[in-house]
Amino acid sequence: MIIDVTARDRARVRDYYDRFADGEHDRLSVDIAGRVSVEVHRRFLARFVTHGQRVLEIGAGPGRFTTELADHGCSVVVTDISPVQLELNRAHLAGTRSESAVQRRELLDVCDTSRYADGEFDVVLAFGGPLSYAFEDTEAALRGLLRITRPGGTVVASVMSMLGTWRHQLPGVVQLAAAVGEDVNDAVLRTGDLRHVPGADHVCQMFRARDIDRLAVAAGGRLLAMSASNWASLGNDDVLGPVEADPDRWSRFLRHEVDACSEPGAADGGTHILFALTHER
């Protein structure tokens, strides 16, 4: 029997997030860089959603952005590849006003949106990097997201950044290269594909900003905006602690950080690349 390698790899992703469980909920709140990342994502999303829109949320996890969508007055179909994450979404939203915004919850692989009709949603949201787990099927997956988005609607997504992650995780990258060999390190830096790392617990596809431009065109979309997440805030918790403690200074810093992340020259500088696209006219 021939096994589809990408399906096997996505099963590894599902198992990883099943095991990660509620760690996904805490991941972006334990340090300043994570909290800044949430703010960058939140403000980016706010540019593309309006009250009353119907949204498909892919890779919703425990519900951080489900709550944001509810606050915007959206009606949300919540999905995730991990049944554990989907149940955590239910648990975290239970008893909150955000739960009333959820139409239903479904298990979903980003590479198979065939159950949904053409143009069924105003917005498709794929934060947290679901497209980084599509591997060879990324272009087809993105085309599928555009298909189920109405004409004039928007796909809003984030993927893992190759260059920003390399910069931010340089000590770990150097250690990994020493452990598995420089040839493996070269392959990861060339392709962004962590499947080159033997025995890796977490595998994903990382991207450069130029890859997003190419994917958008190949999928039949038109890029509306792109942003890094983060920029100045990576690796500077000790410096930013006093700033975060001062509401006025923190508000100013976040404004500057979000503006910097949106600069074209910064797109590759964060751990993730955020982007929005619509149908090509």
C-alpha atoms as a PDB file:
ATOM      1  CA  MET A   1       0.000   0.000   0.000  1.00  0.00           C
ATOM      2  CA  ILE A   2       1.334   3.427  -0.940  1.00  0.00           C
ATOM      3  CA  ILE A   3       1.093   5.903   1.938  1.00  0.00           C
ATOM      4  CA  ASP A   4       0.661   9.600   1.171  1.00  0.00           C
ATOM      5  CA  VAL A   5       3.704  11.085   2.905  1.00  0.00           C
ATOM      6  CA  THR A   6       2.000  14.439   3.520  1.00  0.00           C
ATOM      7  CA  ALA A   7      -1.011  12.749   5.132  1.00  0.00           C
ATOM      8  CA  ARG A   8       1.359  10.793   7.366  1.00  0.00           C
ATOM      9  CA  ASP A   9       3.184  13.980   8.326  1.00  0.00           C
ATOM     10  CA  ARG A  10      -0.064  15.773   9.138  1.00  0.00           C
ATOM     11  CA  ALA A  11      -0.999  12.835  11.356  1.00  0.00           C
ATOM     12  CA  ARG A  12       2.227  13.559  13.235  1.00  0.00           C
ATOM     13  CA  VAL A  13       1.058  17.164  13.567  1.00  0.00           C
ATOM     14  CA  ARG A  14      -2.316  16.048  14.940  1.00  0.00           C
ATOM     15  CA  ASP A  15      -0.618  13.793  17.478  1.00  0.00           C
ATOM     16  CA  TYR A  16       1.777  16.579  18.476  1.00  0.00           C
ATOM     17  CA  TYR A  17      -1.064  18.993  19.268  1.00  0.00           C
ATOM     18  CA  ASP A  18      -3.036  16.272  21.013  1.00  0.00           C
ATOM     19  CA  ARG A  19      -0.055  15.786  23.331  1.00  0.00           C
ATOM     20  CA  PHE A  20       0.624  19.511  23.646  1.00  0.00           C
ATOM     21  CA  ALA A  21      -2.943  19.922  24.952  1.00  0.00           C
ATOM     22  CA  ASP A  22      -3.437  23.046  27.080  1.00  0.00           C
ATOM     23  CA  GLY A  23       0.151  24.124  26.549  1.00  0.00           C
ATOM     24  CA  GLU A  24      -1.140  25.695  23.342  1.00  0.00           C
ATOM     25  CA  HIS A  25      -3.426  27.967  25.365  1.00  0.00           C
ATOM     26  CA  ASP A  26      -0.545  29.195  27.529  1.00  0.00           C
ATOM     27  CA  ARG A  27       2.116  29.372  24.840  1.00  0.00           C
ATOM     28  CA  LEU A  28       1.491  33.002  23.894  1.00  0.00           C
ATOM     29  CA  SER A  29       0.990  34.373  27.378  1.00  0.00           C
ATOM     30  CA  VAL A  30       4.041  33.163  29.317  1.00  0.00           C
ATOM     31  CA  ASP A  31       6.455  35.811  28.034  1.00  0.00           C
ATOM     32  CA  ILE A  32       6.413  39.330  26.633  1.00  0.00           C
ATOM     33  CA  ALA A  33       7.222  38.250  23.082  1.00  0.00           C
ATOM     34  CA  GLY A  34       4.194  35.948  23.125  1.00  0.00           C
ATOM     35  CA  ARG A  35       1.915  38.676  24.430  1.00  0.00           C
ATOM     36  CA  VAL A  36       3.184  41.052  21.757  1.00  0.00           C
ATOM     37  CA  SER A  37       2.590  38.375  19.136  1.00  0.00           C
ATOM     38  CA  VAL A  38      -1.035  38.082  20.224  1.00  0.00           C
ATOM     39  CA  GLU A  39      -1.436  41.843  19.904  1.00  0.00           C
ATOM     40  CA  VAL A  40       0.129  41.908  16.432  1.00  0.00           C
ATOM     41  CA  HIS A  41      -2.179  39.091  15.311  1.00  0.00           C
ATOM     42  CA  ARG A  42      -5.203  40.703  16.943  1.00  0.00           C
ATOM     43  CA  ARG A  43      -4.683  44.062  15.259  1.00  0.00           C
ATOM     44  CA  PHE A  44      -3.941  42.453  11.906  1.00  0.00           C
ATOM     45  CA  LEU A  45      -7.159  40.432  12.105  1.00  0.00           C
ATOM     46  CA  ALA A  46      -9.188  43.515  13.029  1.00  0.00           C
ATOM     47  CA  ARG A  47      -8.339  45.039   9.656  1.00  0.00           C
ATOM     48  CA  PHE A  48     -10.232  42.316   7.797  1.00  0.00           C
ATOM     49  CA  VAL A  49     -13.301  41.360   9.860  1.00  0.00           C
ATOM     50  CA  THR A  50     -16.524  43.277  10.376  1.00  0.00           C
ATOM     51  CA  HIS A  51     -19.613  42.730  12.479  1.00  0.00           C
ATOM     52  CA  GLY A  52     -21.939  39.958  11.358  1.00  0.00           C
ATOM     53  CA  GLN A  53     -19.530  38.160   9.054  1.00  0.00           C
ATOM     54  CA  ARG A  54     -19.471  34.376   8.822  1.00  0.00           C
ATOM     55  CA  VAL A  55     -15.998  33.013   9.531  1.00  0.00           C
ATOM     56  CA  LEU A  56     -14.365  29.614   9.195  1.00  0.00           C
ATOM     57  CA  GLU A  57     -11.582  29.368  11.777  1.00  0.00           C
ATOM     58  CA  ILE A  58      -9.001  26.703  10.894  1.00  0.00           C
ATOM     59  CA  GLY A  59      -6.569  25.552  13.565  1.00  0.00           C
ATOM     60  CA  ALA A  60      -8.598  27.320  16.237  1.00  0.00           C
ATOM     61  CA  GLY A  61      -6.867  25.559  19.112  1.00  0.00           C
ATOM     62  CA  PRO A  62      -8.141  26.469  22.588  1.00  0.00           C
ATOM     63  CA  GLY A  63      -9.908  29.581  21.346  1.00  0.00           C
ATOM     64  CA  ARG A  64      -7.747  32.681  21.710  1.00  0.00           C
ATOM     65  CA  PHE A  65      -8.861  34.064  18.340  1.00  0.00           C
ATOM     66  CA  THR A  66     -12.301  32.473  18.493  1.00  0.00           C
ATOM     67  CA  THR A  67     -12.880  34.949  21.302  1.00  0.00           C
ATOM     68  CA  GLU A  68     -11.555  37.793  19.148  1.00  0.00           C
ATOM     69  CA  LEU A  69     -13.920  36.850  16.342  1.00  0.00           C
ATOM     70  CA  ALA A  70     -16.818  36.745  18.807  1.00  0.00           C
ATOM     71  CA  ASP A  71     -15.865  40.207  20.068  1.00  0.00           C
ATOM     72  CA  HIS A  72     -16.123  41.431  16.469  1.00  0.00           C
ATOM     73  CA  GLY A  73     -19.667  40.067  16.257  1.00  0.00           C
ATOM     74  CA  CYS A  74     -18.797  37.266  13.852  1.00  0.00           C
ATOM     75  CA  SER A  75     -20.493  33.904  13.489  1.00  0.00           C
ATOM     76  CA  VAL A  76     -17.802  31.211  13.642  1.00  0.00           C
ATOM     77  CA  VAL A  77     -17.392  27.638  12.479  1.00  0.00           C
ATOM     78  CA  VAL A  78     -14.540  26.409  14.683  1.00  0.00           C
ATOM     79  CA  THR A  79     -12.213  23.697  13.349  1.00  0.00           C
ATOM     80  CA  ASP A  80      -8.946  22.009  14.250  1.00  0.00           C
ATOM     81  CA  ILE A  81      -6.981  18.953  13.134  1.00  0.00           C
ATOM     82  CA  SER A  82      -6.613  17.904  16.796  1.00  0.00           C
ATOM     83  CA  PRO A  83      -9.642  16.513  18.667  1.00  0.00           C
ATOM     84  CA  VAL A  84      -7.944  17.460  21.943  1.00  0.00           C
ATOM     85  CA  GLN A  85      -7.564  21.089  20.859  1.00  0.00           C
ATOM     86  CA  LEU A  86     -11.170  21.145  19.677  1.00  0.00           C
ATOM     87  CA  GLU A  87     -12.401  19.977  23.072  1.00  0.00           C
ATOM     88  CA  LEU A  88     -10.181  22.545  24.790  1.00  0.00           C
ATOM     89  CA  ASN A  89     -11.801  25.209  22.632  1.00  0.00           C
ATOM     90  CA  ARG A  90     -15.189  24.052  23.897  1.00  0.00           C
ATOM     91  CA  ALA A  91     -13.992  23.986  27.514  1.00  0.00           C
ATOM     92  CA  HIS A  92     -12.361  27.427  27.460  1.00  0.00           C
ATOM     93  CA  LEU A  93     -15.364  29.116  25.834  1.00  0.00           C
ATOM     94  CA  ALA A  94     -18.018  27.319  27.888  1.00  0.00           C
ATOM     95  CA  GLY A  95     -20.006  29.744  30.000  1.00  0.00           C
ATOM     96  CA  THR A  96     -18.607  32.817  28.217  1.00  0.00           C
ATOM     97  CA  ARG A  97     -20.431  35.126  25.867  1.00  0.00           C
ATOM     98  CA  SER A  98     -18.028  34.060  23.108  1.00  0.00           C
ATOM     99  CA  GLU A  99     -19.638  30.608  22.994  1.00  0.00           C
ATOM    100  CA  SER A 100     -22.804  32.084  21.491  1.00  0.00           C
ATOM    101  CA  ALA A 101     -20.794  33.094  18.405  1.00  0.00           C
ATOM    102  CA  VAL A 102     -19.812  29.472  17.654  1.00  0.00           C
ATOM    103  CA  GLN A 103     -22.087  27.791  15.109  1.00  0.00           C
ATOM    104  CA  ARG A 104     -20.438  24.385  15.458  1.00  0.00           C
ATOM    105  CA  ARG A 105     -17.091  22.662  15.929  1.00  0.00           C
ATOM    106  CA  GLU A 106     -15.574  20.209  13.457  1.00  0.00           C
ATOM    107  CA  LEU A 107     -12.396  18.230  12.967  1.00  0.00           C
ATOM    108  CA  LEU A 108     -10.703  19.552   9.838  1.00  0.00           C
ATOM    109  CA  ASP A 109      -7.453  19.155   7.947  1.00  0.00           C
ATOM    110  CA  VAL A 110      -6.574  22.416   6.173  1.00  0.00           C
ATOM    111  CA  CYS A 111      -5.813  20.347   3.079  1.00  0.00           C
ATOM    112  CA  ASP A 112      -9.400  19.125   2.733  1.00  0.00           C
ATOM    113  CA  THR A 113     -12.103  21.808   2.745  1.00  0.00           C
ATOM    114  CA  SER A 114     -14.252  19.924   0.223  1.00  0.00           C
ATOM    115  CA  ARG A 115     -17.212  19.753   2.623  1.00  0.00           C
ATOM    116  CA  TYR A 116     -17.780  23.500   2.283  1.00  0.00           C
ATOM    117  CA  ALA A 117     -19.539  25.211  -0.608  1.00  0.00           C
ATOM    118  CA  ASP A 118     -17.956  27.745  -2.936  1.00  0.00           C
ATOM    119  CA  GLY A 119     -18.058  31.188  -1.337  1.00  0.00           C
ATOM    120  CA  GLU A 120     -19.620  29.898   1.888  1.00  0.00           C
ATOM    121  CA  PHE A 121     -17.645  32.210   4.205  1.00  0.00           C
ATOM    122  CA  ASP A 122     -16.924  35.924   4.345  1.00  0.00           C
ATOM    123  CA  VAL A 123     -13.556  35.300   6.013  1.00  0.00           C
ATOM    124  CA  VAL A 124     -11.393  32.212   6.423  1.00  0.00           C
ATOM    125  CA  LEU A 125      -8.954  32.544   9.327  1.00  0.00           C
ATOM    126  CA  ALA A 126      -5.936  30.243   9.597  1.00  0.00           C
ATOM    127  CA  PHE A 127      -3.793  31.677  12.393  1.00  0.00           C
ATOM    128  CA  GLY A 128      -1.296  29.546  14.272  1.00  0.00           C
ATOM    129  CA  GLY A 129       0.248  28.194  11.086  1.00  0.00           C
ATOM    130  CA  PRO A 130      -2.094  25.455   9.747  1.00  0.00           C
ATOM    131  CA  LEU A 131      -0.677  26.074   6.274  1.00  0.00           C
ATOM    132  CA  SER A 132       2.804  25.363   7.642  1.00  0.00           C
ATOM    133  CA  TYR A 133       1.675  21.753   8.082  1.00  0.00           C
ATOM    134  CA  ALA A 134       0.371  21.287   4.530  1.00  0.00           C
ATOM    135  CA  PHE A 135       3.886  20.692   3.142  1.00  0.00           C
ATOM    136  CA  GLU A 136       3.680  19.719  -0.564  1.00  0.00           C
ATOM    137  CA  ASP A 137      -0.065  20.464  -0.559  1.00  0.00           C
ATOM    138  CA  THR A 138       0.267  24.103   0.571  1.00  0.00           C
ATOM    139  CA  GLU A 139      -0.669  25.657  -2.771  1.00  0.00           C
ATOM    140  CA  ALA A 140      -3.701  23.390  -3.188  1.00  0.00           C
ATOM    141  CA  ALA A 141      -4.748  24.051   0.411  1.00  0.00           C
ATOM    142  CA  LEU A 142      -4.586  27.810  -0.078  1.00  0.00           C
ATOM    143  CA  ARG A 143      -6.571  27.507  -3.295  1.00  0.00           C
ATOM    144  CA  GLY A 144      -9.177  25.587  -1.319  1.00  0.00           C
ATOM    145  CA  LEU A 145      -9.398  28.354   1.281  1.00  0.00           C
ATOM    146  CA  LEU A 146      -9.978  30.912  -1.471  1.00  0.00           C
ATOM    147  CA  ARG A 147     -12.629  28.692  -3.058  1.00  0.00           C
ATOM    148  CA  ILE A 148     -14.791  28.681   0.062  1.00  0.00           C
ATOM    149  CA  THR A 149     -14.354  32.440   0.573  1.00  0.00           C
ATOM    150  CA  ARG A 150     -16.965  34.607  -1.134  1.00  0.00           C
ATOM    151  CA  PRO A 151     -15.872  37.005  -3.902  1.00  0.00           C
ATOM    152  CA  GLY A 152     -14.508  40.067  -2.129  1.00  0.00           C
ATOM    153  CA  GLY A 153     -13.961  38.075   1.068  1.00  0.00           C
ATOM    154  CA  THR A 154     -10.613  37.517   2.725  1.00  0.00           C
ATOM    155  CA  VAL A 155      -8.314  34.692   3.724  1.00  0.00           C
ATOM    156  CA  VAL A 156      -6.276  35.730   6.779  1.00  0.00           C
ATOM    157  CA  ALA A 157      -3.459  33.396   7.757  1.00  0.00           C
ATOM    158  CA  SER A 158      -0.073  33.038   9.385  1.00  0.00           C
ATOM    159  CA  VAL A 159       2.818  30.694   8.655  1.00  0.00           C
ATOM    160  CA  MET A 160       6.114  30.017  10.401  1.00  0.00           C
ATOM    161  CA  SER A 161       8.942  32.285   9.251  1.00  0.00           C
ATOM    162  CA  MET A 162      12.189  30.698   8.095  1.00  0.00           C
ATOM    163  CA  LEU A 163      14.528  33.666   8.486  1.00  0.00           C
ATOM    164  CA  GLY A 164      12.918  35.123  11.595  1.00  0.00           C
ATOM    165  CA  THR A 165      12.952  31.771  13.361  1.00  0.00           C
ATOM    166  CA  TRP A 166      16.599  31.248  12.398  1.00  0.00           C
ATOM    167  CA  ARG A 167      17.479  34.658  13.832  1.00  0.00           C
ATOM    168  CA  HIS A 168      15.455  34.236  17.011  1.00  0.00           C
ATOM    169  CA  GLN A 169      16.442  30.617  17.664  1.00  0.00           C
ATOM    170  CA  LEU A 170      20.086  30.895  16.588  1.00  0.00           C
ATOM    171  CA  PRO A 171      21.580  29.241  19.708  1.00  0.00           C
ATOM    172  CA  GLY A 172      19.311  26.228  19.252  1.00  0.00           C
ATOM    173  CA  VAL A 173      20.001  26.112  15.511  1.00  0.00           C
ATOM    174  CA  VAL A 174      23.756  26.035  16.142  1.00  0.00           C
ATOM    175  CA  GLN A 175      23.332  23.250  18.705  1.00  0.00           C
ATOM    176  CA  LEU A 176      21.113  21.279  16.336  1.00  0.00           C
ATOM    177  CA  ALA A 177      23.610  21.601  13.484  1.00  0.00           C
ATOM    178  CA  ALA A 178      26.339  20.289  15.770  1.00  0.00           C
ATOM    179  CA  ALA A 179      24.155  17.346  16.751  1.00  0.00           C
ATOM    180  CA  VAL A 180      22.741  16.284  13.356  1.00  0.00           C
ATOM    181  CA  GLY A 181      25.307  17.729  10.956  1.00  0.00           C
ATOM    182  CA  GLU A 182      25.726  20.839   8.889  1.00  0.00           C
ATOM    183  CA  ASP A 183      24.240  19.139   5.808  1.00  0.00           C
ATOM    184  CA  VAL A 184      20.924  18.808   7.634  1.00  0.00           C
ATOM    185  CA  ASN A 185      21.154  22.417   8.769  1.00  0.00           C
ATOM    186  CA  ASP A 186      21.858  23.506   5.175  1.00  0.00           C
ATOM    187  CA  ALA A 187      18.798  21.583   3.961  1.00  0.00           C
ATOM    188  CA  VAL A 188      16.516  23.183   6.557  1.00  0.00           C
ATOM    189  CA  LEU A 189      17.777  26.685   5.766  1.00  0.00           C
ATOM    190  CA  ARG A 190      17.439  26.066   2.036  1.00  0.00           C
ATOM    191  CA  THR A 191      13.931  24.587   2.114  1.00  0.00           C
ATOM    192  CA  GLY A 192      12.409  25.631   5.451  1.00  0.00           C
ATOM    193  CA  ASP A 193      11.293  22.005   5.902  1.00  0.00           C
ATOM    194  CA  LEU A 194      11.905  20.592   9.379  1.00  0.00           C
ATOM    195  CA  ARG A 195      11.265  17.049   8.132  1.00  0.00           C
ATOM    196  CA  HIS A 196      14.966  17.022   7.251  1.00  0.00           C
ATOM    197  CA  VAL A 197      15.756  16.803  10.986  1.00  0.00           C
ATOM    198  CA  PRO A 198      15.977  13.131  12.064  1.00  0.00           C
ATOM    199  CA  GLY A 199      13.627  12.279  14.918  1.00  0.00           C
ATOM    200  CA  ALA A 200      12.106  15.769  15.152  1.00  0.00           C
ATOM    201  CA  ASP A 201       9.092  15.815  17.455  1.00  0.00           C
ATOM    202  CA  HIS A 202       7.611  18.882  15.775  1.00  0.00           C
ATOM    203  CA  VAL A 203       7.776  19.157  12.000  1.00  0.00           C
ATOM    204  CA  CYS A 204       6.547  22.059   9.904  1.00  0.00           C
ATOM    205  CA  GLN A 205       7.268  24.037   6.765  1.00  0.00           C
ATOM    206  CA  MET A 206       8.754  27.484   7.320  1.00  0.00           C
ATOM    207  CA  PHE A 207       8.459  30.222   4.698  1.00  0.00           C
ATOM    208  CA  ARG A 208      10.141  33.339   3.390  1.00  0.00           C
ATOM    209  CA  ALA A 209       8.048  36.384   2.502  1.00  0.00           C
ATOM    210  CA  ARG A 210       8.778  35.842  -1.172  1.00  0.00           C
ATOM    211  CA  ASP A 211       7.194  32.376  -0.872  1.00  0.00           C
ATOM    212  CA  ILE A 212       3.924  33.992   0.219  1.00  0.00           C
ATOM    213  CA  ASP A 213       3.912  36.263  -2.825  1.00  0.00           C
ATOM    214  CA  ARG A 214       4.406  33.250  -5.070  1.00  0.00           C
ATOM    215  CA  LEU A 215       1.787  31.123  -3.299  1.00  0.00           C
ATOM    216  CA  ALA A 216      -0.816  33.881  -3.448  1.00  0.00           C
ATOM    217  CA  VAL A 217      -0.472  34.170  -7.231  1.00  0.00           C
ATOM    218  CA  ALA A 218      -0.317  30.403  -7.779  1.00  0.00           C
ATOM    219  CA  ALA A 219      -3.511  29.906  -5.742  1.00  0.00           C
ATOM    220  CA  GLY A 220      -5.377  32.553  -7.726  1.00  0.00           C
ATOM    221  CA  GLY A 221      -5.300  35.191  -5.023  1.00  0.00           C
ATOM    222  CA  ARG A 222      -4.269  38.809  -4.633  1.00  0.00           C
ATOM    223  CA  LEU A 223      -2.167  39.742  -1.618  1.00  0.00           C
ATOM    224  CA  LEU A 224      -3.711  42.525   0.466  1.00  0.00           C
ATOM    225  CA  ALA A 225      -1.246  42.833   3.338  1.00  0.00           C
ATOM    226  CA  MET A 226       1.669  41.131   5.033  1.00  0.00           C
ATOM    227  CA  SER A 227       3.203  41.514   8.488  1.00  0.00           C
ATOM    228  CA  ALA A 228       5.895  39.995  10.638  1.00  0.00           C
ATOM    229  CA  SER A 229       5.260  38.788  14.158  1.00  0.00           C
ATOM    230  CA  ASN A 230       7.308  40.038  16.012  1.00  0.00           C
ATOM    231  CA  TRP A 231      10.081  42.551  15.319  1.00  0.00           C
ATOM    232  CA  ALA A 232      11.791  44.524  18.128  1.00  0.00           C
ATOM    233  CA  SER A 233      10.207  42.428  20.891  1.00  0.00           C
ATOM    234  CA  LEU A 234      12.002  39.152  20.179  1.00  0.00           C
ATOM    235  CA  GLY A 235      14.502  38.223  22.894  1.00  0.00           C
ATOM    236  CA  ASN A 236      14.166  41.447  24.882  1.00  0.00           C
ATOM    237  CA  ASP A 237      11.927  40.539  27.836  1.00  0.00           C
ATOM    238  CA  ASP A 238      14.399  42.004  30.324  1.00  0.00           C
ATOM    239  CA  VAL A 239      14.312  45.385  28.587  1.00  0.00           C
ATOM    240  CA  LEU A 240      10.579  45.403  27.937  1.00  0.00           C
ATOM    241  CA  GLY A 241       9.438  44.333  31.416  1.00  0.00           C
ATOM    242  CA  PRO A 242       9.422  47.898  32.825  1.00  0.00           C
ATOM    243  CA  VAL A 243       7.816  49.174  29.626  1.00  0.00           C
ATOM    244  CA  GLU A 244       4.960  46.654  29.860  1.00  0.00           C
ATOM    245  CA  ALA A 245       4.377  47.720  33.469  1.00  0.00           C
ATOM    246  CA  ASP A 246       3.668  51.292  32.354  1.00  0.00           C
ATOM    247  CA  PRO A 247       0.344  51.441  30.427  1.00  0.00           C
ATOM    248  CA  ASP A 248       1.222  54.580  28.482  1.00  0.00           C
ATOM    249  CA  ARG A 249       4.692  53.397  27.480  1.00  0.00           C
ATOM    250  CA  TRP A 250       3.338  49.950  26.613  1.00  0.00           C
ATOM    251  CA  SER A 251       0.616  51.383  24.408  1.00  0.00           C
ATOM    252  CA  ARG A 252       3.196  53.446  22.551  1.00  0.00           C
ATOM    253  CA  PHE A 253       5.566  50.504  22.191  1.00  0.00           C
ATOM    254  CA  LEU A 254       2.836  48.260  20.778  1.00  0.00           C
ATOM    255  CA  ARG A 255       1.878  50.904  18.242  1.00  0.00           C
ATOM    256  CA  HIS A 256       5.482  51.223  17.100  1.00  0.00           C
ATOM    257  CA  GLU A 257       5.944  47.448  17.055  1.00  0.00           C
ATOM    258  CA  VAL A 258       2.829  46.822  14.956  1.00  0.00           C
ATOM    259  CA  ASP A 259       3.879  49.558  12.528  1.00  0.00           C
ATOM    260  CA  ALA A 260       7.392  48.090  12.266  1.00  0.00           C
ATOM    261  CA  CYS A 261       6.030  44.585  11.657  1.00  0.00           C
ATOM    262  CA  SER A 262       4.028  45.919   8.700  1.00  0.00           C
ATOM    263  CA  GLU A 263       7.062  47.420   6.968  1.00  0.00           C
ATOM    264  CA  PRO A 264       7.932  45.442   3.815  1.00  0.00           C
ATOM    265  CA  GLY A 265      11.532  45.081   4.960  1.00  0.00           C
ATOM    266  CA  ALA A 266      10.425  43.488   8.241  1.00  0.00           C
ATOM    267  CA  ALA A 267       8.238  40.718   6.805  1.00  0.00           C
ATOM    268  CA  ASP A 268      10.911  38.033   7.257  1.00  0.00           C
ATOM    269  CA  GLY A 269      12.029  39.246  10.681  1.00  0.00           C
ATOM    270  CA  GLY A 270       9.539  37.626  13.066  1.00  0.00           C
ATOM    271  CA  THR A 271       8.745  34.077  14.075  1.00  0.00           C
ATOM    272  CA  HIS A 272       5.607  34.131  11.890  1.00  0.00           C
ATOM    273  CA  ILE A 273       4.491  35.823   8.689  1.00  0.00           C
ATOM    274  CA  LEU A 274       0.896  37.091   8.686  1.00  0.00           C
ATOM    275  CA  PHE A 275      -0.864  37.717   5.405  1.00  0.00           C
ATOM    276  CA  ALA A 276      -4.269  38.478   3.945  1.00  0.00           C
ATOM    277  CA  LEU A 277      -5.421  37.775   0.435  1.00  0.00           C
ATOM    278  CA  THR A 278      -8.562  37.893  -1.641  1.00  0.00           C
ATOM    279  CA  HIS A 279      -9.638  36.608  -5.043  1.00  0.00           C
ATOM    280  CA  GLU A 280      -7.738  37.863  -8.055  1.00  0.00           C
ATOM    281  CA  ARG A 281      -9.998  40.095 -10.115  1.00  0.00           C
END
